[in-house]
Every structure is written in C-alpha cells, then in structure tokens.
Amino acid sequence: MHKLKYFFQSFLYFIYPLFLITYLTSCAQNYTVLNQVRVVHPEWSRNAIIYEVNIRQYTPEGTFEAFEAHLPRLKEMRIDILWLMPINPIGELNRKGTLGSYYSIKSYKEVNPEFGTLEDFKNLINKIHEMDMYVIIDWVANHTSWDNVWTQTHPEFFSQNSSGEFYPPVADWSDVIDLNYDNKILWDFMIDAMKYWIEECNIDGFRCDVATMVPTEFWNRARKELDEIKPVFMLAEASENYLHEEAFDMTYNWRLKDLMNEIAKGNKDASDIIAYYNFEKTEYNPDDYIMTFTSNHDENTWHGTVFERLGDSAEMFAILISTVKGIPLVYSGQEAGLDKRLEFFEKDEIEWKEHKLYDIYKTIFTLKHNNKALWNGATGGEMNFITSNNEEGILAFSREMDDDKIIAVFNLTNNNQTVTLNGPALNGNYKELFCNNEFVFTLGQTELSMQLWGYMIFVKE
C-alpha cells in the first residue's frame, strides 16, 4: 500500500508541473509559474561535510564522554555535521545479539545507558557546538522494540494482526514492531519526542531511518514544527525526490554508490556516471542536497568494507564523491583505513591508526569549504563534463561559481592512462591540489599522465 501511494506521489511530482505550465501559458501571458516549494536549508549547510558516528564502536569505552577526545581531530579534518547513530535505549525483548540493534528503540526520550547519561549527552552537544560543528541524531520513526514503553501505555500506536498481536514491519526485522501511522495521535507523540531533543539538548536535526515507510505528510508536519524552534537539518534515508519539497534537506545517492561498486568490478564506466548526472538534473531541483558516500553503517556491516567492494579504487572514489554535486559522507573509521566489517549487535572497536586517507580527506574538504564551485546545492557550480581521448575510462568535469573554478579528472580503470582533454572550459592557469604543481591548460593541448585509479583536481588561479 505504501509503495502504491508513493508511486502516485512521484507521478504527480512530474505531471502536475507540466500541466500547470501548459494551462497557465494557454490562459494568459501575464502568469508567472513558480518553482515548487523547497525546504530552506540552514545557512551553515552550504559548504558542509557530514560524518557518521558509531558511538558504540568508536572507543574502548563506547561512550559520549570518550568520543569527545576525537572532536579536535574531526574539526581539523573539516567535518561540519556529526550524525550520531541512534542514542536511545535498546529493547531487550527479542533482542538480536548481546547488545542489540541501535534501531530497536525502547524509549524515545531517554539515552542508552551504554553510552552515558543525559548530562553526558548534553555536554557532548555543547562541546560540538563550541567547535562550530553541528549534530543530528538518528531517528527511527517507523518501528520500535517489542518492549517499547508505548506498548504498555499506547498499544493502539502499533500495527496489530487479527489476533491483536504486534508484528515486525519486515520479516527479517524480528527485533522490532511496526508503528501504525493511521493513528494521528501517534503523530503528536512522535513529533513531541523529536522536539524534546531540540529543546532539551539543542541538537540541530535528524537523520530519519527508512523515511519512505513513514507517511510523507508526517515528515512535512514535523519539519514545519521543528523549524519553529530553530532551523533544523533533515536527512532522509531515501532517494525519492518529493521528500525535498517540504521535509528534507538531503536524501541518499544510492545510484552513484552502486555505480562505483560496478566500475570497480569493471562492469560500468565513465559514461554511466555521466548518464546518471544527466538523469539527476531532471530528477531533482538544483538546490536539493544529495548525500554521496562510499560507506556507511549498512554498507560496512552488511555489504563489505570499501576495500572489499572498491579495492584499489577506494581512494579515488573518496575524492570523486567530494567533488561531484552533493554532500560527502565519511563513516566512522574510514579516515583511518577501516578494513573490517564492524559487528552490528556486539562490541567491535575501531582500530585507530595513522592513514593517508586522513590527510587526503582534510585536503579535499578544505577546498570544498573555501571554493564556491564545490559548495552544496544551488550555491555550488554545475558539473560540466569534458571530453577526452578515452570516453569510457576517463571521467572529467569542471565546476565554476563566481570567481572559483575546478577541473576534476579521474581514471576509472586499473591501467595507467595518457589522457588528452578537449574543450574551451580548460583554458587558463591552474594548480593541482595534491601535488601543488602549476598547469597551463590550452585548448586541444592538454595531456596528462595518470596512474591506475588515479585522480587530479585542478584549481584555477
């Protein structure tokens, strides 16, 4: 039923504007057709980078307090938004594993004692804000644990079978039960719980789990009421374009993630990425934020580390997701070369070690902060693709905004390449970001030597 409903929402998203334009044009030339309403992004998100924090696995203690020691390092890496995986108590009834899933919520207005106290959490938020960073917390609105407090106080909030029994939203999710959004009183309680974390702890927004399994109208109302407290940042675990209209700042770029996995296997090439971004221009508004990533908690645990999936191309793709349109995500430990699948229901600490990816992230994120061509949404430059002598193996594009311009070149093959770029966009003096060498690009005479899975980022001087 949900899928059918969202199909029609997506259908209307495209058809209605076309109908409106045709109708108004035929009636009078004086009408002005406005763009569809979109959420207003917090100003601080315009050049932001997001980082997903797995508190349980981040330190030996697995606590809010222990995580604080990493804040200066993350600030230095130019992280702006810290997305904390669920901080709420985890259900015990039908729990998976020893510690359970973070996404099996026992109470929406308490913190998981495994992580510390409410005061510990408030202290963490305050320290993050003192460092000019922002915090969003994972919000699981679709389901709860079997022993959630509402099962006793408000059993009518839950979906029930003909025998009056609760049941999971998906067969494999045996540790959680489905909430029933036909009950509008549930909406009041859920939004009240979301407001609690903003008013009590001053968080800056939410990452909303399985967002399309909850009615869009709920999210629209929630965003409106939350924004009345303070401007919030909302990330949907979804890719549907209509979610950007009233509720969410950002959705997931699963399509690009899948393409990168296939390119690493040799099954896709640069032309597929170009085709995707041509599609994105028709699918999304220019100011919609789309989150780019090579990993997150789901990808790492269930589908493999970046090195399992991307192999030697992992570093190159880390740069690619940071230069295309969108907001790049780093998952806990990626900057330290995380090379194991973290356990989801047990303690499994990240091994922190020096790794070249930390400095690579720091370099590209510093550029993203300072160079408007790489800013997010409509404040950043469009991607203009550049042709080369190897259309399948080489991805090249420029982005430009005001006086800022970059040219990004990626070798999407496991072979060294001599690359000739073509096009008027190349003319000018540039400096390569990572080797600091100066280049003078001349039309028809731009030749580059690139290592397998190599990349070059040229910044106009």
Protein backbone atom coordinates (compact mmCIF):
# COMPACT_ATOMS: atom_id res chain seq x y z
CA MET A 1 0.00 0.00 0.00
CA HIS A 2 2.80 2.39 0.89
CA LYS A 3 4.60 1.63 -2.39
CA LEU A 4 1.46 2.34 -4.42
CA LYS A 5 0.91 5.61 -2.61
CA TYR A 6 4.46 6.78 -3.17
CA PHE A 7 4.28 5.79 -6.85
CA PHE A 8 1.40 8.20 -7.33
CA GLN A 9 3.21 10.89 -5.36
CA SER A 10 6.22 10.55 -7.64
CA PHE A 11 3.95 10.51 -10.72
CA LEU A 12 2.20 13.70 -9.67
CA TYR A 13 5.53 15.31 -8.85
CA PHE A 14 6.39 15.26 -12.56
CA ILE A 15 2.99 15.51 -14.27
CA TYR A 16 1.40 18.31 -12.27
CA PRO A 17 4.05 20.98 -13.02
CA LEU A 18 3.78 20.17 -16.75
CA PHE A 19 0.00 20.52 -16.61
CA LEU A 20 0.29 23.79 -14.69
CA ILE A 21 2.75 25.31 -17.15
CA THR A 22 0.58 24.33 -20.14
CA TYR A 23 -2.57 25.64 -18.52
CA LEU A 24 -1.15 29.00 -17.45
CA THR A 25 0.58 29.58 -20.77
CA SER A 26 -2.66 28.96 -22.66
CA CYS A 27 -4.69 31.27 -20.42
CA ALA A 28 -2.57 34.41 -20.30
CA GLN A 29 0.97 35.54 -20.87
CA ASN A 30 0.98 37.54 -17.64
CA TYR A 31 1.04 34.49 -15.36
CA THR A 32 4.33 33.55 -13.69
CA VAL A 33 4.90 29.87 -12.96
CA LEU A 34 6.80 29.49 -9.69
CA ASN A 35 9.15 26.66 -8.85
CA GLN A 36 7.80 24.10 -6.43
CA VAL A 37 8.35 24.99 -2.80
CA ARG A 38 11.51 23.52 -1.32
CA VAL A 39 12.79 23.48 2.24
CA VAL A 40 15.06 26.32 3.28
CA HIS A 41 18.46 24.89 4.14
CA PRO A 42 20.28 26.15 7.24
CA GLU A 43 22.85 28.66 6.04
CA TRP A 44 25.65 26.72 7.73
CA SER A 45 24.99 23.70 5.49
CA ARG A 46 26.03 25.44 2.27
CA ASN A 47 29.58 24.04 2.24
CA ALA A 48 29.16 21.30 4.84
CA ILE A 49 30.63 17.80 5.09
CA ILE A 50 28.85 15.10 7.13
CA TYR A 51 30.37 12.36 9.31
CA GLU A 52 28.52 9.33 10.72
CA VAL A 53 29.44 8.48 14.32
CA ASN A 54 29.12 4.92 15.64
CA ILE A 55 29.46 5.68 19.37
CA ARG A 56 29.49 2.02 20.44
CA GLN A 57 32.48 1.09 18.29
CA TYR A 58 34.35 4.40 18.33
CA THR A 59 36.30 3.95 21.58
CA PRO A 60 37.05 1.14 24.07
CA GLU A 61 34.52 2.73 26.45
CA GLY A 62 31.89 3.30 23.75
CA THR A 63 30.55 6.42 25.48
CA PHE A 64 29.68 10.02 24.69
CA GLU A 65 32.42 11.22 27.02
CA ALA A 66 35.11 9.06 25.43
CA PHE A 67 34.11 10.24 21.95
CA GLU A 68 34.76 13.87 22.93
CA ALA A 69 38.51 13.31 22.65
CA HIS A 70 38.11 12.84 18.88
CA LEU A 71 36.37 16.16 18.26
CA PRO A 72 39.54 18.23 17.63
CA ARG A 73 40.71 15.68 15.05
CA LEU A 74 37.36 15.74 13.25
CA LYS A 75 37.30 19.52 13.30
CA GLU A 76 40.79 19.56 11.80
CA MET A 77 39.54 17.21 9.08
CA ARG A 78 36.97 19.92 8.30
CA ILE A 79 33.89 17.96 9.36
CA ASP A 80 30.80 20.12 9.90
CA ILE A 81 27.85 17.83 10.68
CA LEU A 82 28.13 14.89 13.08
CA TRP A 83 25.38 12.32 12.51
CA LEU A 84 25.11 10.18 15.64
CA MET A 85 23.64 6.72 15.16
CA PRO A 86 20.64 6.14 17.50
CA ILE A 87 21.34 7.25 21.05
CA ASN A 88 18.19 5.78 22.63
CA PRO A 89 17.89 2.72 24.91
CA ILE A 90 17.75 -0.59 23.04
CA GLY A 91 14.98 -3.11 23.59
CA GLU A 92 15.68 -6.36 25.42
CA LEU A 93 12.71 -8.46 24.29
CA ASN A 94 13.62 -10.39 21.11
CA ARG A 95 16.96 -8.57 21.05
CA LYS A 96 19.48 -9.56 18.38
CA GLY A 97 22.92 -10.42 19.74
CA THR A 98 24.30 -9.32 23.09
CA LEU A 99 23.93 -5.56 22.77
CA GLY A 100 21.12 -5.39 20.22
CA SER A 101 20.43 -3.17 17.25
CA TYR A 102 20.72 0.58 17.68
CA TYR A 103 17.49 0.79 15.64
CA SER A 104 15.37 -1.13 18.17
CA ILE A 105 14.16 1.80 20.26
CA LYS A 106 12.82 1.19 23.77
CA SER A 107 12.16 4.82 24.69
CA TYR A 108 12.26 7.95 22.54
CA LYS A 109 13.04 10.39 25.36
CA GLU A 110 15.96 8.64 27.05
CA VAL A 111 19.60 7.94 26.23
CA ASN A 112 21.14 4.50 26.01
CA PRO A 113 22.89 3.94 29.39
CA GLU A 114 25.57 2.05 27.44
CA PHE A 115 26.63 5.48 26.09
CA GLY A 116 26.30 7.52 29.29
CA THR A 117 23.77 9.85 30.90
CA LEU A 118 21.61 12.64 29.55
CA GLU A 119 24.07 15.11 31.07
CA ASP A 120 26.92 13.38 29.26
CA PHE A 121 24.99 13.78 26.02
CA LYS A 122 24.30 17.47 26.67
CA ASN A 123 27.97 18.04 27.42
CA LEU A 124 28.91 16.41 24.12
CA ILE A 125 26.46 18.59 22.18
CA ASN A 126 27.79 21.71 23.89
CA LYS A 127 31.40 20.83 23.05
CA ILE A 128 30.49 20.12 19.43
CA HIS A 129 28.78 23.50 19.17
CA GLU A 130 31.72 25.25 20.83
CA MET A 131 33.85 23.95 17.96
CA ASP A 132 31.41 25.34 15.36
CA MET A 133 30.14 21.92 14.33
CA TYR A 134 26.57 20.64 14.29
CA VAL A 135 24.78 17.49 15.46
CA ILE A 136 21.96 15.44 14.00
CA ILE A 137 20.73 12.25 15.64
CA ASP A 138 19.34 9.13 14.03
CA TRP A 139 15.56 8.96 14.38
CA VAL A 140 13.65 5.68 14.00
CA ALA A 141 10.03 6.70 13.49
CA ASN A 142 8.80 3.61 11.65
CA HIS A 143 9.17 0.95 14.35
CA THR A 144 10.18 0.31 17.96
CA SER A 145 11.44 -2.52 20.11
CA TRP A 146 8.92 -5.12 21.31
CA ASP A 147 9.19 -3.71 24.83
CA ASN A 148 8.96 -0.02 23.96
CA VAL A 149 7.20 1.94 26.69
CA TRP A 150 4.32 2.72 24.31
CA THR A 151 3.40 -0.97 24.06
CA GLN A 152 2.08 -0.62 27.62
CA THR A 153 0.78 2.94 27.60
CA HIS A 154 -0.44 3.23 23.99
CA PRO A 155 -0.80 -0.18 22.32
CA GLU A 156 -3.09 1.50 19.77
CA PHE A 157 0.01 3.14 18.27
CA PHE A 158 1.13 -0.21 16.84
CA SER A 159 0.06 -2.29 13.87
CA GLN A 160 -1.77 -5.41 15.04
CA ASN A 161 -2.89 -8.58 13.30
CA SER A 162 -6.37 -10.10 13.53
CA SER A 163 -5.44 -11.59 16.91
CA GLY A 164 -4.39 -8.21 18.28
CA GLU A 165 -0.69 -9.10 18.19
CA PHE A 166 2.13 -6.75 17.25
CA TYR A 167 4.31 -7.71 14.30
CA PRO A 168 7.54 -6.60 12.54
CA PRO A 169 7.38 -4.22 9.56
CA VAL A 170 9.67 -6.58 7.60
CA ALA A 171 10.01 -10.31 8.19
CA ASP A 172 13.76 -10.19 8.86
CA TRP A 173 13.40 -7.35 11.38
CA SER A 174 12.39 -9.72 14.13
CA ASP A 175 13.59 -7.47 16.96
CA VAL A 176 11.20 -4.59 16.16
CA ILE A 177 7.46 -3.98 15.68
CA ASP A 178 5.60 -1.72 13.28
CA LEU A 179 4.05 1.61 14.24
CA ASN A 180 0.63 2.46 12.80
CA TYR A 181 0.57 5.96 11.31
CA ASP A 182 -3.16 5.73 10.62
CA ASN A 183 -3.38 6.80 14.26
CA LYS A 184 -2.87 10.58 14.16
CA ILE A 185 -2.36 10.76 17.94
CA LEU A 186 0.88 8.85 17.29
CA TRP A 187 1.99 11.77 15.11
CA ASP A 188 1.59 14.13 18.08
CA PHE A 189 3.62 11.89 20.38
CA MET A 190 6.38 11.29 17.82
CA ILE A 191 6.80 14.98 16.98
CA ASP A 192 6.75 15.82 20.68
CA ALA A 193 9.63 13.37 21.19
CA MET A 194 11.59 14.96 18.34
CA LYS A 195 11.01 18.42 19.80
CA TYR A 196 12.32 17.18 23.14
CA TRP A 197 15.84 16.63 21.80
CA ILE A 198 15.95 20.08 20.20
CA GLU A 199 14.53 21.93 23.20
CA GLU A 200 16.29 19.92 25.92
CA CYS A 201 19.64 19.23 24.26
CA ASN A 202 19.85 21.75 21.40
CA ILE A 203 20.55 19.24 18.63
CA ASP A 204 20.45 20.54 15.06
CA GLY A 205 18.31 17.99 13.25
CA PHE A 206 17.68 14.35 12.43
CA ARG A 207 18.68 11.55 10.10
CA CYS A 208 15.39 9.72 9.55
CA ASP A 209 15.57 5.95 9.19
CA VAL A 210 13.59 4.24 6.36
CA ALA A 211 11.88 7.56 5.68
CA THR A 212 9.53 6.31 2.95
CA MET A 213 8.00 3.74 5.32
CA VAL A 214 6.51 6.68 7.24
CA PRO A 215 3.88 8.96 5.59
CA THR A 216 5.39 11.97 3.86
CA GLU A 217 2.65 14.14 5.39
CA PHE A 218 4.04 13.27 8.82
CA TRP A 219 7.53 14.42 7.87
CA ASN A 220 6.16 17.61 6.32
CA ARG A 221 4.35 18.47 9.53
CA ALA A 222 7.34 17.51 11.69
CA ARG A 223 9.73 19.72 9.70
CA LYS A 224 7.39 22.70 9.95
CA GLU A 225 7.02 22.36 13.72
CA LEU A 226 10.72 21.71 14.32
CA ASP A 227 11.74 24.74 12.25
CA GLU A 228 9.57 26.88 14.52
CA ILE A 229 12.01 26.03 17.34
CA LYS A 230 15.21 26.52 15.32
CA PRO A 231 16.35 25.94 11.73
CA VAL A 232 16.99 22.19 11.51
CA PHE A 233 18.81 19.93 9.07
CA MET A 234 16.91 16.82 7.98
CA LEU A 235 18.43 13.80 6.21
CA ALA A 236 16.16 11.08 4.83
CA GLU A 237 17.31 7.51 4.37
CA ALA A 238 15.66 7.53 0.96
CA SER A 239 16.24 8.82 -2.57
CA GLU A 240 12.73 9.93 -3.58
CA ASN A 241 12.73 13.48 -4.95
CA TYR A 242 9.38 14.54 -3.45
CA LEU A 243 10.87 14.32 0.04
CA HIS A 244 12.80 17.53 -0.70
CA GLU A 245 9.65 19.58 -1.15
CA GLU A 246 8.69 20.29 2.46
CA ALA A 247 10.52 17.92 4.80
CA PHE A 248 14.12 17.06 3.99
CA ASP A 249 17.31 18.89 3.12
CA MET A 250 19.09 15.79 1.91
CA THR A 251 18.48 12.27 0.57
CA TYR A 252 20.81 9.37 -0.27
CA ASN A 253 22.70 8.90 -3.54
CA TRP A 254 22.45 5.11 -3.70
CA ARG A 255 22.66 5.17 -7.50
CA LEU A 256 26.16 6.65 -7.50
CA LYS A 257 27.26 4.23 -4.77
CA ASP A 258 26.07 1.28 -6.88
CA LEU A 259 27.79 2.67 -9.97
CA MET A 260 31.10 2.98 -8.12
CA ASN A 261 30.85 -0.63 -6.95
CA GLU A 262 30.23 -1.76 -10.54
CA ILE A 263 33.00 0.39 -12.01
CA ALA A 264 35.45 -1.16 -9.53
CA LYS A 265 34.42 -4.58 -10.87
CA GLY A 266 34.84 -3.46 -14.48
CA ASN A 267 31.12 -3.69 -15.25
CA LYS A 268 30.41 0.05 -15.69
CA ASP A 269 32.43 3.04 -16.90
CA ALA A 270 32.58 6.84 -17.05
CA SER A 271 29.69 7.07 -19.50
CA ASP A 272 27.41 5.56 -16.86
CA ILE A 273 28.30 8.29 -14.35
CA ILE A 274 27.65 10.97 -16.98
CA ALA A 275 24.29 9.35 -17.77
CA TYR A 276 23.43 9.31 -14.07
CA TYR A 277 24.14 13.03 -13.61
CA ASN A 278 22.12 13.88 -16.71
CA PHE A 279 19.29 11.95 -15.08
CA GLU A 280 19.83 13.75 -11.75
CA LYS A 281 19.30 17.13 -13.43
CA THR A 282 15.80 16.02 -14.45
CA GLU A 283 15.02 14.23 -11.18
CA TYR A 284 16.00 16.85 -8.61
CA ASN A 285 15.81 20.59 -8.06
CA PRO A 286 19.21 22.37 -8.33
CA ASP A 287 19.11 23.23 -4.62
CA ASP A 288 18.31 19.69 -3.41
CA TYR A 289 21.14 18.14 -1.40
CA ILE A 290 22.08 14.56 -2.34
CA MET A 291 24.44 12.70 0.02
CA THR A 292 27.37 10.98 -1.68
CA PHE A 293 29.19 8.14 0.07
CA THR A 294 31.36 5.08 -0.37
CA SER A 295 30.39 3.63 3.02
CA ASN A 296 28.04 3.95 5.99
CA HIS A 297 26.95 1.62 8.79
CA ASP A 298 24.79 -0.52 6.48
CA GLU A 299 27.32 -0.75 3.67
CA ASN A 300 30.20 -1.57 6.01
CA THR A 301 28.46 -4.25 8.07
CA TRP A 302 26.23 -5.93 5.51
CA HIS A 303 27.95 -5.35 2.14
CA GLY A 304 31.63 -5.05 2.97
CA THR A 305 34.37 -2.52 3.63
CA VAL A 306 35.31 -0.04 0.93
CA PHE A 307 38.38 -2.15 0.25
CA GLU A 308 36.28 -5.28 -0.24
CA ARG A 309 33.91 -3.51 -2.62
CA LEU A 310 36.16 -0.94 -4.30
CA GLY A 311 39.65 -2.40 -3.90
CA ASP A 312 42.42 -0.13 -5.15
CA SER A 313 39.87 2.40 -6.41
CA ALA A 314 38.66 3.30 -2.89
CA GLU A 315 40.90 6.37 -2.54
CA MET A 316 39.96 7.72 -5.96
CA PHE A 317 36.25 7.34 -5.25
CA ALA A 318 36.68 9.15 -1.91
CA ILE A 319 37.81 12.17 -3.94
CA LEU A 320 35.11 11.72 -6.56
CA ILE A 321 32.26 11.85 -4.03
CA SER A 322 33.81 15.03 -2.61
CA THR A 323 33.91 16.91 -5.93
CA VAL A 324 30.65 15.94 -7.65
CA LYS A 325 27.42 17.70 -6.68
CA GLY A 326 26.25 16.65 -3.24
CA ILE A 327 27.38 16.49 0.36
CA PRO A 328 30.06 13.84 1.02
CA LEU A 329 29.74 11.45 3.96
CA VAL A 330 32.57 9.81 5.88
CA TYR A 331 31.72 6.82 8.10
CA SER A 332 33.46 6.20 11.43
CA GLY A 333 36.98 4.92 10.84
CA GLN A 334 37.18 5.48 7.09
CA GLU A 335 39.82 8.16 7.65
CA ALA A 336 41.88 5.52 9.49
CA GLY A 337 41.58 2.98 6.68
CA LEU A 338 38.83 0.89 8.34
CA ASP A 339 39.34 -2.54 6.84
CA LYS A 340 36.88 -4.72 8.74
CA ARG A 341 33.12 -5.11 8.85
CA LEU A 342 32.02 -3.77 12.21
CA GLU A 343 29.70 -6.03 14.17
CA PHE A 344 26.19 -4.62 14.47
CA PHE A 345 24.93 -6.33 17.62
CA GLU A 346 28.21 -6.76 19.55
CA LYS A 347 31.13 -4.66 20.72
CA ASP A 348 33.69 -4.38 17.91
CA GLU A 349 36.02 -1.44 18.41
CA ILE A 350 37.50 0.55 15.54
CA GLU A 351 41.29 0.32 15.29
CA TRP A 352 42.56 3.89 15.14
CA LYS A 353 45.83 4.28 13.27
CA GLU A 354 47.53 6.84 11.08
CA HIS A 355 46.43 6.53 7.47
CA LYS A 356 46.97 8.65 4.37
CA LEU A 357 43.21 8.98 3.88
CA TYR A 358 43.02 11.38 6.83
CA ASP A 359 45.23 13.94 5.09
CA ILE A 360 43.51 13.31 1.77
CA TYR A 361 40.09 14.00 3.28
CA LYS A 362 41.44 17.07 5.07
CA THR A 363 42.86 18.47 1.83
CA ILE A 364 39.77 17.96 -0.32
CA PHE A 365 37.36 19.09 2.43
CA THR A 366 39.38 22.27 2.98
CA LEU A 367 38.99 23.00 -0.73
CA LYS A 368 35.26 22.31 -0.53
CA HIS A 369 34.93 24.78 2.33
CA ASN A 370 36.85 27.54 0.58
CA ASN A 371 35.97 27.09 -3.09
CA LYS A 372 32.40 28.06 -4.01
CA ALA A 373 32.49 25.84 -7.10
CA LEU A 374 32.22 22.86 -4.73
CA TRP A 375 29.52 24.24 -2.45
CA ASN A 376 26.25 22.41 -1.97
CA GLY A 377 23.01 22.78 -3.89
CA ALA A 378 22.40 25.91 -5.93
CA THR A 379 25.27 27.76 -4.22
CA GLY A 380 27.79 25.45 -5.93
CA GLY A 381 28.72 25.09 -9.59
CA GLU A 382 27.05 22.74 -12.04
CA MET A 383 29.05 19.79 -13.39
CA ASN A 384 30.15 20.39 -16.99
CA PHE A 385 31.61 17.21 -18.47
CA ILE A 386 34.81 17.39 -20.51
CA THR A 387 35.53 15.01 -23.38
CA SER A 388 38.77 13.08 -23.68
CA ASN A 389 40.56 10.51 -25.81
CA ASN A 390 39.10 7.76 -23.58
CA GLU A 391 35.39 8.39 -23.05
CA GLU A 392 34.83 5.13 -21.18
CA GLY A 393 37.85 5.15 -18.91
CA ILE A 394 38.24 8.84 -18.05
CA LEU A 395 35.73 10.99 -16.18
CA ALA A 396 36.47 14.72 -16.35
CA PHE A 397 34.34 17.72 -15.47
CA SER A 398 34.59 21.34 -14.45
CA ARG A 399 32.61 23.23 -11.81
CA GLU A 400 32.52 27.00 -11.56
CA MET A 401 30.87 29.57 -9.28
CA ASP A 402 31.68 33.28 -9.20
CA ASP A 403 35.49 33.53 -9.40
CA ASP A 404 36.10 29.93 -8.31
CA LYS A 405 36.64 27.05 -10.72
CA ILE A 406 37.95 23.50 -10.53
CA ILE A 407 38.61 20.76 -13.05
CA ALA A 408 38.43 17.17 -11.78
CA VAL A 409 39.88 14.24 -13.73
CA PHE A 410 39.51 10.58 -12.72
CA ASN A 411 41.00 7.43 -14.21
CA LEU A 412 38.24 4.84 -13.76
CA THR A 413 40.42 1.95 -14.92
CA ASN A 414 43.09 -0.29 -13.44
CA ASN A 415 45.56 0.76 -16.14
CA ASN A 416 47.85 3.77 -16.44
CA GLN A 417 46.49 6.27 -18.96
CA THR A 418 47.80 9.10 -21.12
CA VAL A 419 44.85 11.47 -21.23
CA THR A 420 44.06 14.23 -23.68
CA LEU A 421 41.26 16.57 -22.62
CA ASN A 422 39.25 18.67 -25.04
CA GLY A 423 37.06 21.74 -24.72
CA PRO A 424 37.10 25.50 -24.16
CA ALA A 425 36.43 25.03 -20.43
CA LEU A 426 40.08 24.10 -19.99
CA ASN A 427 41.75 27.38 -20.92
CA GLY A 428 43.63 29.03 -18.06
CA ASN A 429 46.20 28.67 -15.30
CA TYR A 430 45.60 26.01 -12.64
CA LYS A 431 47.33 24.40 -9.68
CA GLU A 432 46.88 20.70 -8.95
CA LEU A 433 45.56 20.33 -5.41
CA PHE A 434 47.55 17.33 -4.20
CA CYS A 435 50.95 17.75 -5.87
CA ASN A 436 50.80 21.58 -5.91
CA ASN A 437 52.18 21.72 -9.47
CA GLU A 438 51.12 24.54 -11.77
CA PHE A 439 49.45 23.76 -15.10
CA VAL A 440 48.63 25.98 -18.06
CA PHE A 441 45.74 24.45 -19.98
CA THR A 442 45.46 25.31 -23.66
CA LEU A 443 42.63 24.22 -25.91
CA GLY A 444 43.50 20.95 -27.65
CA GLN A 445 46.91 20.67 -25.99
CA THR A 446 46.10 19.35 -22.54
CA GLU A 447 47.77 15.99 -21.96
CA LEU A 448 48.01 14.24 -18.60
CA SER A 449 49.71 11.06 -17.40
CA MET A 450 47.51 9.28 -14.88
CA GLN A 451 48.14 6.26 -12.69
CA LEU A 452 45.62 3.43 -12.49
CA TRP A 453 42.63 4.57 -10.44
CA GLY A 454 44.30 7.99 -10.32
CA TYR A 455 42.81 11.44 -9.86
CA MET A 456 43.79 15.07 -10.37
CA ILE A 457 41.99 18.14 -9.03
CA PHE A 458 42.97 21.39 -10.74
CA VAL A 459 42.12 24.68 -9.03
CA LYS A 460 42.01 27.81 -11.18
CA GLU A 461 44.41 30.52 -10.05
